[in-house]
């Protein structure tokens, strides 16, 4: 997408899972519920906005300490708490080989395709968790490249080096 396009032109306005023209939400083999492409989606498409309550860093830290896993970084000052019923994007699962990524655009968070996605394919992005307490976040993505934990790609080699090698 070029930067001169308005955000409205990048993604549909509808957020509810039943109304969204690009995504349907069903049971996932990865975990719980997941988002699935309703149609073929070209690379570079802003698919769905990750929405929620805009909170400052202090409040975000407090909520994270209370085990809220839906806090999303916007910038140095603000985060979004996506743990709200009107945020179906929170159901999109992590993968070690994702077909989407997140993009912060003018204070808004979008799930954007990073390759062409076929209708019916489950949408996923890398949650980019840090290695601190990484063992508390096992990954079930099933990818041939799965490192076993939901960590940012920059930590894959570290996590792989920590796995026990069978005798």
C-alpha atoms as a PDB file:
ATOM      1  CA  UNK A   1       0.000   0.000   0.000  1.00  0.00           C
ATOM      2  CA  UNK A   2       1.344   3.424  -0.714  1.00  0.00           C
ATOM      3  CA  UNK A   3       1.367   5.977   2.069  1.00  0.00           C
ATOM      4  CA  UNK A   4      -0.955   8.376   0.245  1.00  0.00           C
ATOM      5  CA  UNK A   5      -3.933   5.989   0.565  1.00  0.00           C
ATOM      6  CA  UNK A   6      -6.313   6.628   3.403  1.00  0.00           C
ATOM      7  CA  UNK A   7      -6.593   3.950   6.052  1.00  0.00           C
ATOM      8  CA  UNK A   8     -10.216   3.403   5.090  1.00  0.00           C
ATOM      9  CA  UNK A   9      -9.056   2.346   1.627  1.00  0.00           C
ATOM     10  CA  UNK A  10      -6.684  -0.196   3.140  1.00  0.00           C
ATOM     11  CA  UNK A  11      -9.168  -2.329   5.056  1.00  0.00           C
ATOM     12  CA  UNK A  12     -12.870  -2.847   5.425  1.00  0.00           C
ATOM     13  CA  UNK A  13     -14.549  -0.849   8.173  1.00  0.00           C
ATOM     14  CA  UNK A  14     -16.508  -3.802   9.558  1.00  0.00           C
ATOM     15  CA  UNK A  15     -14.951  -5.381  12.635  1.00  0.00           C
ATOM     16  CA  UNK A  16     -17.494  -7.969  13.738  1.00  0.00           C
ATOM     17  CA  UNK A  17     -16.584 -11.530  12.850  1.00  0.00           C
ATOM     18  CA  UNK A  18     -19.881 -12.149  11.064  1.00  0.00           C
ATOM     19  CA  UNK A  19     -19.708  -8.980   8.972  1.00  0.00           C
ATOM     20  CA  UNK A  20     -16.043  -8.817   8.077  1.00  0.00           C
ATOM     21  CA  UNK A  21     -15.653  -9.247   4.309  1.00  0.00           C
ATOM     22  CA  UNK A  22     -12.142 -10.753   4.428  1.00  0.00           C
ATOM     23  CA  UNK A  23     -12.041 -12.828   7.630  1.00  0.00           C
ATOM     24  CA  UNK A  24     -14.207 -15.498   9.226  1.00  0.00           C
ATOM     25  CA  UNK A  25     -13.534 -16.847  12.704  1.00  0.00           C
ATOM     26  CA  UNK A  26     -13.728 -20.580  13.387  1.00  0.00           C
ATOM     27  CA  UNK A  27     -12.040 -23.250  15.456  1.00  0.00           C
ATOM     28  CA  UNK A  28      -8.322 -23.479  14.781  1.00  0.00           C
ATOM     29  CA  UNK A  29      -5.930 -26.425  14.810  1.00  0.00           C
ATOM     30  CA  UNK A  30      -3.311 -24.004  16.141  1.00  0.00           C
ATOM     31  CA  UNK A  31      -5.228 -22.837  19.212  1.00  0.00           C
ATOM     32  CA  UNK A  32      -8.840 -22.145  20.155  1.00  0.00           C
ATOM     33  CA  UNK A  33     -10.403 -19.853  17.591  1.00  0.00           C
ATOM     34  CA  UNK A  34      -8.580 -18.432  14.594  1.00  0.00           C
ATOM     35  CA  UNK A  35      -9.108 -16.075  11.680  1.00  0.00           C
ATOM     36  CA  UNK A  36      -9.425 -17.537   8.176  1.00  0.00           C
ATOM     37  CA  UNK A  37      -9.364 -15.824   4.788  1.00  0.00           C
ATOM     38  CA  UNK A  38     -12.859 -15.675   3.225  1.00  0.00           C
ATOM     39  CA  UNK A  39     -11.291 -15.043  -0.188  1.00  0.00           C
ATOM     40  CA  UNK A  40      -7.870 -14.829  -1.802  1.00  0.00           C
ATOM     41  CA  UNK A  41      -5.975 -11.924  -0.233  1.00  0.00           C
ATOM     42  CA  UNK A  42      -3.039 -10.345  -2.085  1.00  0.00           C
ATOM     43  CA  UNK A  43       0.251  -9.582  -0.383  1.00  0.00           C
ATOM     44  CA  UNK A  44       0.355  -6.112   1.177  1.00  0.00           C
ATOM     45  CA  UNK A  45      -3.350  -5.959   2.066  1.00  0.00           C
ATOM     46  CA  UNK A  46      -4.405  -4.357   5.340  1.00  0.00           C
ATOM     47  CA  UNK A  47      -6.804  -7.124   6.389  1.00  0.00           C
ATOM     48  CA  UNK A  48      -8.261  -6.158   9.762  1.00  0.00           C
ATOM     49  CA  UNK A  49      -7.595  -3.550  12.432  1.00  0.00           C
ATOM     50  CA  UNK A  50      -6.496  -4.643  15.915  1.00  0.00           C
ATOM     51  CA  UNK A  51      -8.663  -2.433  18.114  1.00  0.00           C
ATOM     52  CA  UNK A  52      -9.220  -1.896  21.816  1.00  0.00           C
ATOM     53  CA  UNK A  53      -8.759   0.507  24.675  1.00  0.00           C
ATOM     54  CA  UNK A  54      -5.879   2.974  24.268  1.00  0.00           C
ATOM     55  CA  UNK A  55      -3.832   2.910  27.499  1.00  0.00           C
ATOM     56  CA  UNK A  56      -0.585   4.419  28.748  1.00  0.00           C
ATOM     57  CA  UNK A  57       2.520   2.322  29.475  1.00  0.00           C
ATOM     58  CA  UNK A  58       1.960   2.264  33.239  1.00  0.00           C
ATOM     59  CA  UNK A  59      -1.550   0.859  32.827  1.00  0.00           C
ATOM     60  CA  UNK A  60      -0.303  -1.578  30.175  1.00  0.00           C
ATOM     61  CA  UNK A  61       2.340  -2.873  32.600  1.00  0.00           C
ATOM     62  CA  UNK A  62      -0.277  -3.314  35.326  1.00  0.00           C
ATOM     63  CA  UNK A  63      -2.549  -5.264  32.989  1.00  0.00           C
ATOM     64  CA  UNK A  64       0.315  -7.430  31.705  1.00  0.00           C
ATOM     65  CA  UNK A  65       1.176  -8.309  35.313  1.00  0.00           C
ATOM     66  CA  UNK A  66      -2.451  -9.457  35.642  1.00  0.00           C
ATOM     67  CA  UNK A  67      -1.880 -11.884  32.738  1.00  0.00           C
ATOM     68  CA  UNK A  68      -3.498  -9.826  29.959  1.00  0.00           C
ATOM     69  CA  UNK A  69      -1.947 -11.158  26.726  1.00  0.00           C
ATOM     70  CA  UNK A  70      -3.736  -8.766  24.386  1.00  0.00           C
ATOM     71  CA  UNK A  71      -1.678  -5.630  25.031  1.00  0.00           C
ATOM     72  CA  UNK A  72      -0.256  -4.297  21.777  1.00  0.00           C
ATOM     73  CA  UNK A  73       2.556  -1.743  21.492  1.00  0.00           C
ATOM     74  CA  UNK A  74       1.693   1.414  19.524  1.00  0.00           C
ATOM     75  CA  UNK A  75       4.546   3.786  20.397  1.00  0.00           C
ATOM     76  CA  UNK A  76       6.709   4.979  23.299  1.00  0.00           C
ATOM     77  CA  UNK A  77       3.665   6.426  25.096  1.00  0.00           C
ATOM     78  CA  UNK A  78       0.646   4.309  24.177  1.00  0.00           C
ATOM     79  CA  UNK A  79      -0.500   0.702  23.885  1.00  0.00           C
ATOM     80  CA  UNK A  80      -3.789  -0.917  22.937  1.00  0.00           C
ATOM     81  CA  UNK A  81      -5.567  -3.395  25.194  1.00  0.00           C
ATOM     82  CA  UNK A  82      -7.268  -5.603  22.628  1.00  0.00           C
ATOM     83  CA  UNK A  83      -8.975  -7.818  25.217  1.00  0.00           C
ATOM     84  CA  UNK A  84     -12.434  -6.595  24.224  1.00  0.00           C
ATOM     85  CA  UNK A  85     -15.288  -8.480  22.559  1.00  0.00           C
ATOM     86  CA  UNK A  86     -15.399  -5.989  19.674  1.00  0.00           C
ATOM     87  CA  UNK A  87     -11.817  -6.897  18.637  1.00  0.00           C
ATOM     88  CA  UNK A  88     -12.053 -10.118  16.617  1.00  0.00           C
ATOM     89  CA  UNK A  89      -8.451  -9.583  15.420  1.00  0.00           C
ATOM     90  CA  UNK A  90      -7.348 -10.743  18.892  1.00  0.00           C
ATOM     91  CA  UNK A  91      -8.273 -14.269  17.758  1.00  0.00           C
ATOM     92  CA  UNK A  92      -5.630 -14.401  15.010  1.00  0.00           C
ATOM     93  CA  UNK A  93      -3.033 -16.921  16.129  1.00  0.00           C
ATOM     94  CA  UNK A  94       0.754 -16.852  16.299  1.00  0.00           C
ATOM     95  CA  UNK A  95       2.916 -18.754  13.825  1.00  0.00           C
ATOM     96  CA  UNK A  96       6.656 -19.160  13.462  1.00  0.00           C
ATOM     97  CA  UNK A  97       6.087 -18.895   9.672  1.00  0.00           C
ATOM     98  CA  UNK A  98       3.307 -16.292   9.502  1.00  0.00           C
ATOM     99  CA  UNK A  99       1.418 -15.048   6.451  1.00  0.00           C
ATOM    100  CA  UNK A 100       0.733 -11.651   8.078  1.00  0.00           C
ATOM    101  CA  UNK A 101       2.491  -9.056  10.175  1.00  0.00           C
ATOM    102  CA  UNK A 102       1.341  -6.104  12.200  1.00  0.00           C
ATOM    103  CA  UNK A 103       1.713  -2.563  10.965  1.00  0.00           C
ATOM    104  CA  UNK A 104       1.250   0.550  13.093  1.00  0.00           C
ATOM    105  CA  UNK A 105      -0.055   3.332  10.869  1.00  0.00           C
ATOM    106  CA  UNK A 106      -0.889   6.712  12.387  1.00  0.00           C
ATOM    107  CA  UNK A 107      -1.545   5.195  15.820  1.00  0.00           C
ATOM    108  CA  UNK A 108      -3.693   2.360  14.468  1.00  0.00           C
ATOM    109  CA  UNK A 109      -2.641  -1.297  14.394  1.00  0.00           C
ATOM    110  CA  UNK A 110      -3.368  -3.377  11.295  1.00  0.00           C
ATOM    111  CA  UNK A 111      -2.920  -7.031  10.445  1.00  0.00           C
ATOM    112  CA  UNK A 112      -1.342  -6.963   6.968  1.00  0.00           C
ATOM    113  CA  UNK A 113      -0.646  -9.846   4.598  1.00  0.00           C
ATOM    114  CA  UNK A 114       3.039 -10.411   3.825  1.00  0.00           C
ATOM    115  CA  UNK A 115       2.363 -12.858   1.003  1.00  0.00           C
ATOM    116  CA  UNK A 116      -0.596 -13.928  -1.094  1.00  0.00           C
ATOM    117  CA  UNK A 117      -3.101 -15.826   1.062  1.00  0.00           C
ATOM    118  CA  UNK A 118      -5.550 -18.382  -0.366  1.00  0.00           C
ATOM    119  CA  UNK A 119      -9.222 -18.506   0.619  1.00  0.00           C
ATOM    120  CA  UNK A 120      -9.667 -20.795   3.633  1.00  0.00           C
ATOM    121  CA  UNK A 121      -6.096 -20.374   4.847  1.00  0.00           C
ATOM    122  CA  UNK A 122      -5.663 -19.498   8.519  1.00  0.00           C
ATOM    123  CA  UNK A 123      -4.253 -16.040   9.132  1.00  0.00           C
ATOM    124  CA  UNK A 124      -1.298 -15.772  11.496  1.00  0.00           C
ATOM    125  CA  UNK A 125       1.398 -13.401  12.610  1.00  0.00           C
ATOM    126  CA  UNK A 126       4.431 -13.675  14.866  1.00  0.00           C
ATOM    127  CA  UNK A 127       3.495 -12.311  18.300  1.00  0.00           C
ATOM    128  CA  UNK A 128       7.162 -11.258  18.695  1.00  0.00           C
ATOM    129  CA  UNK A 129       7.434 -12.130  22.382  1.00  0.00           C
ATOM    130  CA  UNK A 130      10.763 -11.525  24.075  1.00  0.00           C
ATOM    131  CA  UNK A 131      12.812 -14.449  25.405  1.00  0.00           C
ATOM    132  CA  UNK A 132      12.076 -13.499  29.026  1.00  0.00           C
ATOM    133  CA  UNK A 133       9.956 -16.371  30.341  1.00  0.00           C
ATOM    134  CA  UNK A 134       9.686 -17.761  26.791  1.00  0.00           C
ATOM    135  CA  UNK A 135       8.995 -21.256  28.134  1.00  0.00           C
ATOM    136  CA  UNK A 136       5.668 -19.943  29.489  1.00  0.00           C
ATOM    137  CA  UNK A 137       4.483 -19.396  25.897  1.00  0.00           C
ATOM    138  CA  UNK A 138       4.579 -22.681  23.948  1.00  0.00           C
ATOM    139  CA  UNK A 139       3.814 -22.520  20.239  1.00  0.00           C
ATOM    140  CA  UNK A 140       1.447 -24.945  18.532  1.00  0.00           C
ATOM    141  CA  UNK A 141       1.642 -23.520  15.006  1.00  0.00           C
ATOM    142  CA  UNK A 142       2.679 -26.841  13.474  1.00  0.00           C
ATOM    143  CA  UNK A 143       5.027 -25.196  10.973  1.00  0.00           C
ATOM    144  CA  UNK A 144       8.072 -27.165   9.861  1.00  0.00           C
ATOM    145  CA  UNK A 145      10.095 -24.187  11.101  1.00  0.00           C
ATOM    146  CA  UNK A 146       8.361 -23.983  14.503  1.00  0.00           C
ATOM    147  CA  UNK A 147      10.766 -23.284  17.357  1.00  0.00           C
ATOM    148  CA  UNK A 148       8.276 -24.506  19.964  1.00  0.00           C
ATOM    149  CA  UNK A 149       7.724 -21.131  21.628  1.00  0.00           C
ATOM    150  CA  UNK A 150       6.089 -17.832  20.666  1.00  0.00           C
ATOM    151  CA  UNK A 151       9.155 -15.618  20.348  1.00  0.00           C
ATOM    152  CA  UNK A 152      10.244 -12.994  17.862  1.00  0.00           C
ATOM    153  CA  UNK A 153      12.198 -14.356  14.902  1.00  0.00           C
ATOM    154  CA  UNK A 154      15.324 -12.634  16.183  1.00  0.00           C
ATOM    155  CA  UNK A 155      15.248 -15.092  19.143  1.00  0.00           C
ATOM    156  CA  UNK A 156      14.761 -18.302  17.123  1.00  0.00           C
ATOM    157  CA  UNK A 157      18.447 -19.302  17.183  1.00  0.00           C
ATOM    158  CA  UNK A 158      18.670 -18.722  20.945  1.00  0.00           C
ATOM    159  CA  UNK A 159      15.578 -20.849  21.609  1.00  0.00           C
ATOM    160  CA  UNK A 160      16.753 -23.615  19.268  1.00  0.00           C
ATOM    161  CA  UNK A 161      20.154 -23.666  21.037  1.00  0.00           C
ATOM    162  CA  UNK A 162      18.387 -24.162  24.402  1.00  0.00           C
ATOM    163  CA  UNK A 163      16.410 -27.246  23.346  1.00  0.00           C
ATOM    164  CA  UNK A 164      17.704 -30.579  24.588  1.00  0.00           C
ATOM    165  CA  UNK A 165      19.242 -32.727  21.896  1.00  0.00           C
ATOM    166  CA  UNK A 166      18.030 -36.345  22.154  1.00  0.00           C
ATOM    167  CA  UNK A 167      20.780 -38.877  22.935  1.00  0.00           C
END
